[in-house]
Amino acid sequence: MAEGLLEYSKSQLALRNGCDKPQIWIAYRGYIYDVGESRLWKNGMHYEHWAGQDLTEELQDAPHSETVFLKFQIIGKLKDK
């Protein structure tokens, strides 16, 4: 699953927020997901969460589990630094 994926920095991810670039991406546990097709992420916002960032820590407060990410395509990996 992780083989051959491009790596993106946090600053590159931040540009994929639905405003600066048309892509709507979020990161979770080191992987970057394209959530642009979800009606819940229109305009780069999902409730109080903004796209273009790592939402790993915020999932613990979500009303759903990490299985929600199975719906979305992994498009890259988040660089450590």
C-alpha atoms as a PDB file:
ATOM      1  CA  MET A   1       0.000   0.000   0.000  1.00  0.00           C
ATOM      2  CA  ALA A   2       2.788   2.472   0.829  1.00  0.00           C
ATOM      3  CA  GLU A   3       5.125   1.445  -1.953  1.00  0.00           C
ATOM      4  CA  GLY A   4       5.672   3.984  -4.694  1.00  0.00           C
ATOM      5  CA  LEU A   5       3.823   6.810  -2.965  1.00  0.00           C
ATOM      6  CA  LEU A   6       5.176  10.318  -3.283  1.00  0.00           C
ATOM      7  CA  GLU A   7       6.198  12.129  -0.119  1.00  0.00           C
ATOM      8  CA  TYR A   8       4.872  15.589   0.693  1.00  0.00           C
ATOM      9  CA  SER A   9       6.001  18.043   3.345  1.00  0.00           C
ATOM     10  CA  LYS A  10       3.585  19.659   5.785  1.00  0.00           C
ATOM     11  CA  SER A  11       3.877  22.906   3.821  1.00  0.00           C
ATOM     12  CA  GLN A  12       2.978  21.094   0.584  1.00  0.00           C
ATOM     13  CA  LEU A  13       0.027  19.449   2.338  1.00  0.00           C
ATOM     14  CA  ALA A  14      -1.093  22.830   3.692  1.00  0.00           C
ATOM     15  CA  LEU A  15      -1.556  24.114   0.127  1.00  0.00           C
ATOM     16  CA  ARG A  16      -4.076  21.326  -0.596  1.00  0.00           C
ATOM     17  CA  ASN A  17      -6.739  22.903   1.582  1.00  0.00           C
ATOM     18  CA  GLY A  18      -9.366  23.516  -1.088  1.00  0.00           C
ATOM     19  CA  CYS A  19      -8.543  27.238  -1.240  1.00  0.00           C
ATOM     20  CA  ASP A  20      -4.906  27.654  -2.306  1.00  0.00           C
ATOM     21  CA  LYS A  21      -5.084  24.710  -4.712  1.00  0.00           C
ATOM     22  CA  PRO A  22      -8.144  22.766  -5.855  1.00  0.00           C
ATOM     23  CA  GLN A  23      -7.096  19.544  -4.093  1.00  0.00           C
ATOM     24  CA  ILE A  24      -8.556  18.759  -0.682  1.00  0.00           C
ATOM     25  CA  TRP A  25      -6.133  16.554   1.222  1.00  0.00           C
ATOM     26  CA  ILE A  26      -5.685  15.571   4.845  1.00  0.00           C
ATOM     27  CA  ALA A  27      -3.075  13.436   6.585  1.00  0.00           C
ATOM     28  CA  TYR A  28      -3.627  10.661   9.104  1.00  0.00           C
ATOM     29  CA  ARG A  29      -0.925   8.446  10.613  1.00  0.00           C
ATOM     30  CA  GLY A  30       1.636   9.429   8.006  1.00  0.00           C
ATOM     31  CA  TYR A  31      -0.544   8.938   4.944  1.00  0.00           C
ATOM     32  CA  ILE A  32      -2.167  11.653   2.860  1.00  0.00           C
ATOM     33  CA  TYR A  33      -5.741  11.112   1.724  1.00  0.00           C
ATOM     34  CA  ASP A  34      -7.680  12.861  -1.018  1.00  0.00           C
ATOM     35  CA  VAL A  35     -11.024  13.803   0.553  1.00  0.00           C
ATOM     36  CA  GLY A  36     -12.099  16.105  -2.273  1.00  0.00           C
ATOM     37  CA  GLU A  37     -14.919  13.831  -3.452  1.00  0.00           C
ATOM     38  CA  SER A  38     -16.582  13.804  -0.040  1.00  0.00           C
ATOM     39  CA  ARG A  39     -19.574  16.099   0.353  1.00  0.00           C
ATOM     40  CA  LEU A  40     -18.484  16.485   3.987  1.00  0.00           C
ATOM     41  CA  TRP A  41     -15.215  18.162   2.948  1.00  0.00           C
ATOM     42  CA  LYS A  42     -16.572  20.722   0.474  1.00  0.00           C
ATOM     43  CA  ASN A  43     -14.599  23.971   0.530  1.00  0.00           C
ATOM     44  CA  GLY A  44     -11.894  22.244   2.576  1.00  0.00           C
ATOM     45  CA  MET A  45     -13.756  22.214   5.881  1.00  0.00           C
ATOM     46  CA  HIS A  46     -15.345  19.353   7.797  1.00  0.00           C
ATOM     47  CA  TYR A  47     -17.117  20.614  10.900  1.00  0.00           C
ATOM     48  CA  GLU A  48     -14.332  22.409  12.817  1.00  0.00           C
ATOM     49  CA  HIS A  49     -11.506  20.696  10.899  1.00  0.00           C
ATOM     50  CA  TRP A  50      -9.663  22.236   7.969  1.00  0.00           C
ATOM     51  CA  ALA A  51      -8.062  20.313   5.133  1.00  0.00           C
ATOM     52  CA  GLY A  52      -4.381  20.649   4.396  1.00  0.00           C
ATOM     53  CA  GLN A  53      -3.205  19.380   7.760  1.00  0.00           C
ATOM     54  CA  ASP A  54      -2.412  16.281   9.783  1.00  0.00           C
ATOM     55  CA  LEU A  55      -5.560  15.242  11.654  1.00  0.00           C
ATOM     56  CA  THR A  56      -4.048  12.265  13.490  1.00  0.00           C
ATOM     57  CA  GLU A  57      -4.369  13.837  16.948  1.00  0.00           C
ATOM     58  CA  GLU A  58      -7.842  15.192  16.269  1.00  0.00           C
ATOM     59  CA  LEU A  59      -9.386  11.812  15.410  1.00  0.00           C
ATOM     60  CA  GLN A  60      -9.636  10.865  19.077  1.00  0.00           C
ATOM     61  CA  ASP A  61     -12.403  13.483  19.443  1.00  0.00           C
ATOM     62  CA  ALA A  62     -14.276  12.404  16.299  1.00  0.00           C
ATOM     63  CA  PRO A  63     -17.607  10.564  16.407  1.00  0.00           C
ATOM     64  CA  HIS A  64     -16.199   7.948  13.995  1.00  0.00           C
ATOM     65  CA  SER A  65     -13.250   5.556  13.916  1.00  0.00           C
ATOM     66  CA  GLU A  66     -10.234   5.488  11.629  1.00  0.00           C
ATOM     67  CA  THR A  67     -12.103   3.119   9.301  1.00  0.00           C
ATOM     68  CA  VAL A  68     -13.568   6.256   7.704  1.00  0.00           C
ATOM     69  CA  PHE A  69     -10.247   6.575   5.836  1.00  0.00           C
ATOM     70  CA  LEU A  70     -10.941   3.354   3.929  1.00  0.00           C
ATOM     71  CA  LYS A  71     -13.332   5.401   1.778  1.00  0.00           C
ATOM     72  CA  PHE A  72     -10.554   7.664   0.509  1.00  0.00           C
ATOM     73  CA  GLN A  73      -7.636   7.204  -1.824  1.00  0.00           C
ATOM     74  CA  ILE A  74      -4.150   7.388  -0.333  1.00  0.00           C
ATOM     75  CA  ILE A  75      -2.209   9.718  -2.573  1.00  0.00           C
ATOM     76  CA  GLY A  76       1.053  10.104  -0.674  1.00  0.00           C
ATOM     77  CA  LYS A  77       3.015   9.968   2.520  1.00  0.00           C
ATOM     78  CA  LEU A  78       3.691  12.830   4.897  1.00  0.00           C
ATOM     79  CA  LYS A  79       7.400  13.595   5.276  1.00  0.00           C
ATOM     80  CA  ASP A  80       8.683  13.373   8.845  1.00  0.00           C
ATOM     81  CA  LYS A  81      10.484  16.715   8.606  1.00  0.00           C
END
